[in-house]
Amino acid sequence: MMTAGEEWNRKAYVHSWVRKHKPKQDYCTICNDVKKLELSNLSGEYHRDSNDFWWLCKSCHKLYDMVNNTHTIYNKIDSFFFKWNRYHY
C-alpha cells in the first residue's frame, strides 16, 4: 500500500505524462466553453492512458469529480457527512 505522498507523486507523474501525450483542446469537453483547461481523469485510476483523460474547464472538472466521486477529497467529505448524519438524525 502506498503512502499519501507516494500516491500524490504517482498521480502527478501520470498527469505530467498525459500532458505530453494528449493534444490540448481549445474548449471544454463538457460545456464547450473556451476557458483555461485542466486534465481530468475519467476512471479515477490514474493509468498512463491518454484516453482515460479529457480536457475540462475548472468548473466542469470540479462538478465531474463530485458527481462521480473520483477525487479523494469528495470521498472524504461524503464519508464525513455520512457519519455526521448517522449521529445527528
N, C-alpha and C. Protein backbone atom coordinates (compact mmCIF):
# COMPACT_ATOMS: atom_id res chain seq x y z
N MET A 1 0.84 -1.19 0.00
CA MET A 1 0.00 0.00 0.00
C MET A 1 0.89 1.25 0.00
N MET A 2 0.49 2.21 -0.80
CA MET A 2 1.26 3.44 -0.92
C MET A 2 0.87 4.45 0.17
N THR A 3 1.84 5.25 0.57
CA THR A 3 1.53 6.34 1.49
C THR A 3 0.82 7.44 0.70
N ALA A 4 0.27 8.41 1.39
CA ALA A 4 -0.42 9.51 0.72
C ALA A 4 0.54 10.28 -0.19
N GLY A 5 1.77 10.47 0.26
CA GLY A 5 2.77 11.17 -0.54
C GLY A 5 3.14 10.41 -1.80
N GLU A 6 3.28 9.10 -1.68
CA GLU A 6 3.59 8.27 -2.85
C GLU A 6 2.44 8.28 -3.85
N GLU A 7 1.22 8.23 -3.34
CA GLU A 7 0.03 8.26 -4.21
C GLU A 7 -0.04 9.60 -4.95
N TRP A 8 0.21 10.71 -4.25
CA TRP A 8 0.19 12.01 -4.87
C TRP A 8 1.25 12.10 -5.95
N ASN A 9 2.48 11.60 -5.67
CA ASN A 9 3.56 11.62 -6.65
C ASN A 9 3.19 10.82 -7.89
N ARG A 10 2.55 9.68 -7.71
CA ARG A 10 2.15 8.85 -8.84
C ARG A 10 1.14 9.58 -9.70
N LYS A 11 0.15 10.22 -9.07
CA LYS A 11 -0.87 10.97 -9.82
C LYS A 11 -0.24 12.15 -10.56
N ALA A 12 0.68 12.85 -9.90
CA ALA A 12 1.36 13.98 -10.54
C ALA A 12 2.17 13.50 -11.74
N TYR A 13 2.85 12.35 -11.60
CA TYR A 13 3.62 11.79 -12.70
C TYR A 13 2.72 11.43 -13.88
N VAL A 14 1.58 10.80 -13.61
CA VAL A 14 0.66 10.41 -14.68
C VAL A 14 0.11 11.65 -15.38
N HIS A 15 -0.27 12.68 -14.61
CA HIS A 15 -0.76 13.92 -15.22
C HIS A 15 0.31 14.52 -16.12
N SER A 16 1.54 14.53 -15.67
CA SER A 16 2.64 15.06 -16.47
C SER A 16 2.81 14.26 -17.76
N TRP A 17 2.74 12.95 -17.66
CA TRP A 17 2.88 12.07 -18.83
C TRP A 17 1.75 12.34 -19.83
N VAL A 18 0.52 12.46 -19.33
CA VAL A 18 -0.62 12.68 -20.22
C VAL A 18 -0.52 14.04 -20.90
N ARG A 19 -0.07 15.08 -20.17
CA ARG A 19 0.09 16.41 -20.77
C ARG A 19 1.01 16.36 -21.99
N LYS A 20 2.01 15.49 -21.94
CA LYS A 20 2.96 15.36 -23.06
C LYS A 20 2.38 14.56 -24.22
N HIS A 21 1.42 13.68 -23.94
CA HIS A 21 0.93 12.75 -24.96
C HIS A 21 -0.49 13.01 -25.45
N LYS A 22 -1.22 13.89 -24.81
CA LYS A 22 -2.60 14.18 -25.24
C LYS A 22 -2.67 15.62 -25.73
N PRO A 23 -3.01 15.81 -27.00
CA PRO A 23 -3.09 17.18 -27.52
C PRO A 23 -4.12 18.01 -26.75
N LYS A 24 -3.77 19.25 -26.47
CA LYS A 24 -4.68 20.12 -25.73
C LYS A 24 -5.75 20.67 -26.66
N GLN A 25 -6.97 20.67 -26.17
CA GLN A 25 -8.10 21.21 -26.93
C GLN A 25 -8.19 22.72 -26.71
N ASP A 26 -9.01 23.35 -27.50
CA ASP A 26 -9.26 24.79 -27.35
C ASP A 26 -10.50 25.07 -26.53
N TYR A 27 -11.26 24.04 -26.16
CA TYR A 27 -12.54 24.22 -25.48
C TYR A 27 -12.78 23.06 -24.51
N CYS A 28 -13.64 23.29 -23.53
CA CYS A 28 -14.01 22.27 -22.54
C CYS A 28 -14.81 21.16 -23.21
N THR A 29 -14.51 19.92 -22.88
CA THR A 29 -15.19 18.77 -23.47
C THR A 29 -16.66 18.71 -23.09
N ILE A 30 -17.02 19.23 -21.91
CA ILE A 30 -18.42 19.16 -21.45
C ILE A 30 -19.23 20.37 -21.89
N CYS A 31 -18.78 21.57 -21.56
CA CYS A 31 -19.59 22.76 -21.82
C CYS A 31 -19.20 23.52 -23.09
N ASN A 32 -18.12 23.11 -23.74
CA ASN A 32 -17.61 23.73 -24.97
C ASN A 32 -17.18 25.17 -24.79
N ASP A 33 -17.01 25.61 -23.56
CA ASP A 33 -16.58 26.97 -23.30
C ASP A 33 -15.07 27.08 -23.52
N VAL A 34 -14.64 28.25 -23.94
CA VAL A 34 -13.22 28.49 -24.17
C VAL A 34 -12.66 29.15 -22.91
N LYS A 35 -12.11 28.34 -22.04
CA LYS A 35 -11.54 28.80 -20.77
C LYS A 35 -10.20 28.10 -20.58
N LYS A 36 -9.54 28.42 -19.47
CA LYS A 36 -8.34 27.69 -19.11
C LYS A 36 -8.75 26.25 -18.81
N LEU A 37 -8.08 25.29 -19.41
CA LEU A 37 -8.47 23.89 -19.28
C LEU A 37 -7.52 23.10 -18.38
N GLU A 38 -8.08 22.08 -17.75
CA GLU A 38 -7.32 21.17 -16.87
C GLU A 38 -7.54 19.74 -17.36
N LEU A 39 -6.58 18.90 -17.09
CA LEU A 39 -6.76 17.48 -17.39
C LEU A 39 -7.59 16.84 -16.29
N SER A 40 -8.58 16.08 -16.69
CA SER A 40 -9.42 15.38 -15.73
C SER A 40 -9.38 13.89 -16.04
N ASN A 41 -9.18 13.09 -15.00
CA ASN A 41 -9.14 11.64 -15.15
C ASN A 41 -10.55 11.09 -15.13
N LEU A 42 -10.88 10.25 -16.10
CA LEU A 42 -12.24 9.71 -16.21
C LEU A 42 -12.53 8.61 -15.20
N SER A 43 -11.61 7.67 -15.06
CA SER A 43 -11.89 6.48 -14.24
C SER A 43 -11.52 6.65 -12.77
N GLY A 44 -10.64 7.60 -12.46
CA GLY A 44 -10.16 7.76 -11.10
C GLY A 44 -9.03 6.79 -10.76
N GLU A 45 -8.53 6.06 -11.77
CA GLU A 45 -7.48 5.05 -11.52
C GLU A 45 -6.08 5.52 -11.89
N TYR A 46 -5.94 6.58 -12.64
CA TYR A 46 -4.65 7.19 -12.96
C TYR A 46 -3.64 6.23 -13.58
N HIS A 47 -3.99 5.70 -14.73
CA HIS A 47 -3.07 4.90 -15.52
C HIS A 47 -2.47 5.79 -16.60
N ARG A 48 -1.32 5.37 -17.14
CA ARG A 48 -0.73 6.13 -18.24
C ARG A 48 -1.47 5.80 -19.53
N ASP A 49 -2.68 6.29 -19.64
CA ASP A 49 -3.52 6.07 -20.80
C ASP A 49 -4.18 7.41 -21.13
N SER A 50 -3.75 8.03 -22.21
CA SER A 50 -4.28 9.36 -22.53
C SER A 50 -5.77 9.33 -22.85
N ASN A 51 -6.32 8.17 -23.20
CA ASN A 51 -7.75 8.07 -23.46
C ASN A 51 -8.58 8.07 -22.17
N ASP A 52 -7.92 7.94 -21.02
CA ASP A 52 -8.60 7.96 -19.73
C ASP A 52 -8.61 9.37 -19.13
N PHE A 53 -8.27 10.36 -19.94
CA PHE A 53 -8.25 11.76 -19.52
C PHE A 53 -8.96 12.60 -20.56
N TRP A 54 -9.53 13.72 -20.12
CA TRP A 54 -10.08 14.69 -21.05
C TRP A 54 -9.82 16.09 -20.53
N TRP A 55 -9.96 17.06 -21.41
CA TRP A 55 -9.70 18.45 -21.06
C TRP A 55 -11.01 19.11 -20.64
N LEU A 56 -11.03 19.64 -19.41
CA LEU A 56 -12.22 20.30 -18.88
C LEU A 56 -11.86 21.66 -18.30
N CYS A 57 -12.84 22.58 -18.30
CA CYS A 57 -12.64 23.84 -17.57
C CYS A 57 -12.72 23.51 -16.08
N LYS A 58 -12.28 24.44 -15.27
CA LYS A 58 -12.20 24.17 -13.83
C LYS A 58 -13.57 23.83 -13.22
N SER A 59 -14.62 24.55 -13.61
CA SER A 59 -15.93 24.29 -13.02
C SER A 59 -16.48 22.93 -13.44
N CYS A 60 -16.31 22.53 -14.69
CA CYS A 60 -16.78 21.21 -15.13
C CYS A 60 -15.95 20.10 -14.50
N HIS A 61 -14.64 20.35 -14.32
CA HIS A 61 -13.76 19.37 -13.69
C HIS A 61 -14.21 19.09 -12.26
N LYS A 62 -14.47 20.16 -11.52
CA LYS A 62 -14.92 20.02 -10.14
C LYS A 62 -16.26 19.28 -10.07
N LEU A 63 -17.19 19.68 -10.94
CA LEU A 63 -18.50 19.05 -10.96
C LEU A 63 -18.40 17.57 -11.33
N TYR A 64 -17.59 17.25 -12.34
CA TYR A 64 -17.42 15.86 -12.75
C TYR A 64 -16.87 15.01 -11.59
N ASP A 65 -15.85 15.53 -10.91
CA ASP A 65 -15.27 14.78 -9.78
C ASP A 65 -16.27 14.60 -8.65
N MET A 66 -17.08 15.61 -8.37
CA MET A 66 -18.07 15.49 -7.29
C MET A 66 -19.15 14.48 -7.64
N VAL A 67 -19.66 14.54 -8.85
CA VAL A 67 -20.74 13.64 -9.27
C VAL A 67 -20.26 12.19 -9.32
N ASN A 68 -19.03 11.98 -9.76
CA ASN A 68 -18.52 10.62 -9.95
C ASN A 68 -17.64 10.13 -8.81
N ASN A 69 -17.47 10.93 -7.76
CA ASN A 69 -16.63 10.55 -6.61
C ASN A 69 -15.25 10.06 -7.04
N THR A 70 -14.65 10.73 -8.02
CA THR A 70 -13.33 10.30 -8.50
C THR A 70 -12.19 11.02 -7.79
N HIS A 71 -12.50 11.93 -6.91
CA HIS A 71 -11.44 12.66 -6.22
C HIS A 71 -11.52 12.36 -4.73
N THR A 72 -10.38 12.10 -4.12
CA THR A 72 -10.36 11.69 -2.72
C THR A 72 -10.99 12.70 -1.77
N ILE A 73 -10.86 13.99 -2.05
CA ILE A 73 -11.42 14.98 -1.13
C ILE A 73 -12.94 14.83 -1.07
N TYR A 74 -13.58 14.53 -2.19
CA TYR A 74 -15.03 14.37 -2.18
C TYR A 74 -15.43 13.09 -1.47
N ASN A 75 -14.62 12.04 -1.59
CA ASN A 75 -14.90 10.81 -0.86
C ASN A 75 -14.82 11.05 0.65
N LYS A 76 -13.85 11.86 1.07
CA LYS A 76 -13.71 12.17 2.49
C LYS A 76 -14.89 13.01 2.98
N ILE A 77 -15.34 13.96 2.16
CA ILE A 77 -16.48 14.79 2.54
C ILE A 77 -17.73 13.92 2.66
N ASP A 78 -17.96 13.04 1.67
CA ASP A 78 -19.12 12.14 1.73
C ASP A 78 -19.07 11.28 2.99
N SER A 79 -17.91 10.75 3.30
CA SER A 79 -17.74 9.89 4.48
C SER A 79 -18.04 10.68 5.75
N PHE A 80 -17.55 11.91 5.82
CA PHE A 80 -17.78 12.75 6.99
C PHE A 80 -19.28 12.98 7.19
N PHE A 81 -19.98 13.38 6.12
CA PHE A 81 -21.41 13.67 6.24
C PHE A 81 -22.23 12.42 6.54
N PHE A 82 -21.81 11.29 6.01
CA PHE A 82 -22.50 10.05 6.32
C PHE A 82 -22.41 9.76 7.82
N LYS A 83 -21.20 9.90 8.37
CA LYS A 83 -21.02 9.66 9.81
C LYS A 83 -21.74 10.72 10.64
N TRP A 84 -21.69 11.98 10.21
CA TRP A 84 -22.35 13.05 10.94
C TRP A 84 -23.85 12.83 10.95
N ASN A 85 -24.45 12.52 9.81
CA ASN A 85 -25.90 12.30 9.73
C ASN A 85 -26.35 11.12 10.58
N ARG A 86 -25.52 10.11 10.68
CA ARG A 86 -25.88 8.90 11.45
C ARG A 86 -26.10 9.25 12.92
N TYR A 87 -25.33 10.21 13.44
CA TYR A 87 -25.42 10.55 14.86
C TYR A 87 -26.31 11.76 15.14
N HIS A 88 -26.69 12.49 14.12
CA HIS A 88 -27.43 13.73 14.35
C HIS A 88 -28.87 13.68 13.83
N TYR A 89 -29.30 12.58 13.28
CA TYR A 89 -30.69 12.48 12.79
C TYR A 89 -31.36 11.25 13.31
